[in-house]
Amino acid sequence: MTAHHSQELFTVASAAQILGLSQSTIRRWANNDLIRTLKVGRARMVPASELRRLVEQGLAFPVSDGGQS
């Protein structure tokens, strides 16, 4: 039996913050087909699976959101 899970989506700004990249880098990668994005209305959204893929491939390193110095 398989469960159907809706894919978590992130805005370009959120994806950039999570990955420690600039928004322009996320947009450039999307324009060059290096990262898959989805259009939701007028917004470009990045699936969580793409964030994981970038981290697994060593192309991005998530920024910890815990604790401030």
N, C-alpha and C. Protein backbone atom coordinates (compact mmCIF):
# COMPACT_ATOMS: atom_id res chain seq x y z
N MET A 1 0.84 -1.17 0.00
CA MET A 1 0.00 0.00 0.00
C MET A 1 0.89 1.24 0.00
N THR A 2 0.57 2.18 -0.85
CA THR A 2 1.36 3.41 -0.91
C THR A 2 0.53 4.57 -0.40
N ALA A 3 1.17 5.46 0.29
CA ALA A 3 0.48 6.65 0.80
C ALA A 3 0.75 7.82 -0.14
N HIS A 4 -0.24 8.64 -0.34
CA HIS A 4 -0.07 9.82 -1.19
C HIS A 4 0.24 11.01 -0.30
N HIS A 5 1.39 11.60 -0.49
CA HIS A 5 1.80 12.78 0.30
C HIS A 5 1.91 13.95 -0.65
N SER A 6 1.33 15.08 -0.26
CA SER A 6 1.51 16.26 -1.09
C SER A 6 2.92 16.78 -0.84
N GLN A 7 3.54 17.24 -1.90
CA GLN A 7 4.92 17.70 -1.85
C GLN A 7 4.98 19.06 -1.16
N GLU A 8 5.85 19.20 -0.17
CA GLU A 8 6.05 20.49 0.47
C GLU A 8 6.78 21.40 -0.50
N LEU A 9 6.30 22.63 -0.61
CA LEU A 9 6.88 23.59 -1.54
C LEU A 9 7.40 24.80 -0.78
N PHE A 10 8.49 25.38 -1.29
CA PHE A 10 9.09 26.55 -0.68
C PHE A 10 9.18 27.67 -1.71
N THR A 11 8.99 28.90 -1.26
CA THR A 11 9.21 30.04 -2.15
C THR A 11 10.69 30.11 -2.48
N VAL A 12 11.03 30.84 -3.52
CA VAL A 12 12.44 31.04 -3.87
C VAL A 12 13.18 31.66 -2.69
N ALA A 13 12.57 32.63 -2.04
CA ALA A 13 13.21 33.29 -0.89
C ALA A 13 13.47 32.30 0.24
N SER A 14 12.48 31.45 0.56
CA SER A 14 12.65 30.46 1.63
C SER A 14 13.70 29.43 1.26
N ALA A 15 13.66 28.94 0.02
CA ALA A 15 14.65 27.95 -0.42
C ALA A 15 16.05 28.52 -0.34
N ALA A 16 16.21 29.76 -0.77
CA ALA A 16 17.52 30.41 -0.72
C ALA A 16 18.01 30.52 0.72
N GLN A 17 17.13 30.91 1.62
CA GLN A 17 17.51 31.06 3.03
C GLN A 17 17.89 29.71 3.62
N ILE A 18 17.11 28.69 3.35
CA ILE A 18 17.39 27.34 3.89
C ILE A 18 18.74 26.83 3.40
N LEU A 19 19.03 27.07 2.12
CA LEU A 19 20.25 26.53 1.52
C LEU A 19 21.46 27.46 1.65
N GLY A 20 21.26 28.65 2.19
CA GLY A 20 22.37 29.58 2.32
C GLY A 20 22.83 30.14 0.97
N LEU A 21 21.89 30.27 0.04
CA LEU A 21 22.18 30.79 -1.29
C LEU A 21 21.39 32.07 -1.50
N SER A 22 21.71 32.80 -2.55
CA SER A 22 20.94 33.99 -2.87
C SER A 22 19.71 33.61 -3.70
N GLN A 23 18.71 34.45 -3.66
CA GLN A 23 17.52 34.22 -4.47
C GLN A 23 17.88 34.22 -5.96
N SER A 24 18.82 35.07 -6.34
CA SER A 24 19.21 35.11 -7.75
C SER A 24 19.87 33.81 -8.18
N THR A 25 20.60 33.15 -7.28
CA THR A 25 21.20 31.85 -7.61
C THR A 25 20.11 30.82 -7.85
N ILE A 26 19.10 30.78 -6.97
CA ILE A 26 17.99 29.83 -7.14
C ILE A 26 17.30 30.09 -8.47
N ARG A 27 17.03 31.35 -8.78
CA ARG A 27 16.35 31.68 -10.04
C ARG A 27 17.21 31.31 -11.25
N ARG A 28 18.50 31.60 -11.17
CA ARG A 28 19.42 31.30 -12.27
C ARG A 28 19.49 29.78 -12.50
N TRP A 29 19.61 29.01 -11.41
CA TRP A 29 19.63 27.55 -11.53
C TRP A 29 18.34 27.04 -12.15
N ALA A 30 17.21 27.62 -11.76
CA ALA A 30 15.91 27.21 -12.32
C ALA A 30 15.86 27.55 -13.81
N ASN A 31 16.30 28.73 -14.18
CA ASN A 31 16.30 29.15 -15.59
C ASN A 31 17.20 28.27 -16.44
N ASN A 32 18.25 27.72 -15.83
CA ASN A 32 19.20 26.86 -16.55
C ASN A 32 18.90 25.37 -16.33
N ASP A 33 17.72 25.09 -15.80
CA ASP A 33 17.27 23.71 -15.57
C ASP A 33 18.18 22.91 -14.65
N LEU A 34 18.82 23.57 -13.71
CA LEU A 34 19.65 22.88 -12.72
C LEU A 34 18.85 22.53 -11.47
N ILE A 35 17.70 23.16 -11.32
CA ILE A 35 16.80 22.88 -10.21
C ILE A 35 15.38 22.94 -10.75
N ARG A 36 14.55 22.00 -10.31
CA ARG A 36 13.16 21.95 -10.77
C ARG A 36 12.32 22.86 -9.89
N THR A 37 11.51 23.69 -10.52
CA THR A 37 10.57 24.53 -9.80
C THR A 37 9.19 24.34 -10.41
N LEU A 38 8.19 24.76 -9.66
CA LEU A 38 6.81 24.69 -10.11
C LEU A 38 6.21 26.09 -10.05
N LYS A 39 5.36 26.40 -11.01
CA LYS A 39 4.64 27.66 -10.98
C LYS A 39 3.33 27.43 -10.24
N VAL A 40 3.08 28.22 -9.22
CA VAL A 40 1.83 28.19 -8.48
C VAL A 40 1.28 29.61 -8.57
N GLY A 41 0.31 29.78 -9.46
CA GLY A 41 -0.13 31.14 -9.75
C GLY A 41 1.01 31.87 -10.42
N ARG A 42 1.40 33.00 -9.88
CA ARG A 42 2.53 33.76 -10.42
C ARG A 42 3.84 33.44 -9.70
N ALA A 43 3.75 32.66 -8.63
CA ALA A 43 4.93 32.36 -7.81
C ALA A 43 5.66 31.13 -8.34
N ARG A 44 6.98 31.18 -8.22
CA ARG A 44 7.83 30.02 -8.54
C ARG A 44 8.14 29.35 -7.21
N MET A 45 7.83 28.06 -7.11
CA MET A 45 8.01 27.31 -5.88
C MET A 45 9.02 26.19 -6.09
N VAL A 46 9.78 25.90 -5.04
CA VAL A 46 10.81 24.86 -5.10
C VAL A 46 10.35 23.68 -4.24
N PRO A 47 10.22 22.50 -4.84
CA PRO A 47 9.83 21.32 -4.05
C PRO A 47 10.91 20.94 -3.03
N ALA A 48 10.47 20.43 -1.90
CA ALA A 48 11.40 19.98 -0.85
C ALA A 48 12.36 18.94 -1.39
N SER A 49 11.88 18.10 -2.32
CA SER A 49 12.75 17.06 -2.89
C SER A 49 13.95 17.67 -3.62
N GLU A 50 13.77 18.84 -4.20
CA GLU A 50 14.89 19.51 -4.88
C GLU A 50 15.89 20.05 -3.87
N LEU A 51 15.40 20.55 -2.75
CA LEU A 51 16.32 21.02 -1.70
C LEU A 51 17.16 19.85 -1.20
N ARG A 52 16.51 18.71 -0.96
CA ARG A 52 17.24 17.52 -0.50
C ARG A 52 18.26 17.09 -1.54
N ARG A 53 17.88 17.09 -2.81
CA ARG A 53 18.78 16.66 -3.88
C ARG A 53 20.02 17.56 -3.94
N LEU A 54 19.84 18.86 -3.83
CA LEU A 54 20.97 19.78 -3.86
C LEU A 54 21.93 19.53 -2.71
N VAL A 55 21.38 19.25 -1.54
CA VAL A 55 22.22 18.97 -0.37
C VAL A 55 22.93 17.63 -0.55
N GLU A 56 22.19 16.61 -0.99
CA GLU A 56 22.78 15.28 -1.18
C GLU A 56 23.90 15.31 -2.23
N GLN A 57 23.77 16.15 -3.24
CA GLN A 57 24.78 16.25 -4.30
C GLN A 57 25.90 17.21 -3.93
N GLY A 58 25.83 17.80 -2.75
CA GLY A 58 26.88 18.70 -2.30
C GLY A 58 26.89 20.05 -3.00
N LEU A 59 25.75 20.43 -3.58
CA LEU A 59 25.66 21.72 -4.28
C LEU A 59 25.21 22.84 -3.36
N ALA A 60 24.67 22.48 -2.20
CA ALA A 60 24.21 23.47 -1.23
C ALA A 60 24.34 22.86 0.16
N PHE A 61 24.42 23.72 1.13
CA PHE A 61 24.59 23.29 2.52
C PHE A 61 23.58 24.03 3.37
N PRO A 62 22.61 23.30 3.96
CA PRO A 62 21.56 23.97 4.72
C PRO A 62 22.12 24.78 5.87
N VAL A 63 21.51 25.93 6.08
CA VAL A 63 21.90 26.83 7.16
C VAL A 63 21.05 26.47 8.37
N SER A 64 21.68 26.30 9.52
CA SER A 64 20.95 25.99 10.74
C SER A 64 20.12 27.18 11.14
N ASP A 65 18.86 26.91 11.54
CA ASP A 65 18.01 28.00 12.00
C ASP A 65 17.94 28.05 13.52
N GLY A 66 18.71 27.22 14.17
CA GLY A 66 18.66 27.17 15.62
C GLY A 66 19.69 28.08 16.27
N GLY A 67 19.25 28.82 17.27
CA GLY A 67 20.14 29.64 18.08
C GLY A 67 20.81 30.78 17.33
N GLN A 68 20.85 31.92 17.96
CA GLN A 68 21.52 33.08 17.36
C GLN A 68 22.73 33.42 18.20
N SER A 69 23.80 33.83 17.57
CA SER A 69 25.03 34.17 18.29
C SER A 69 24.99 35.57 18.78
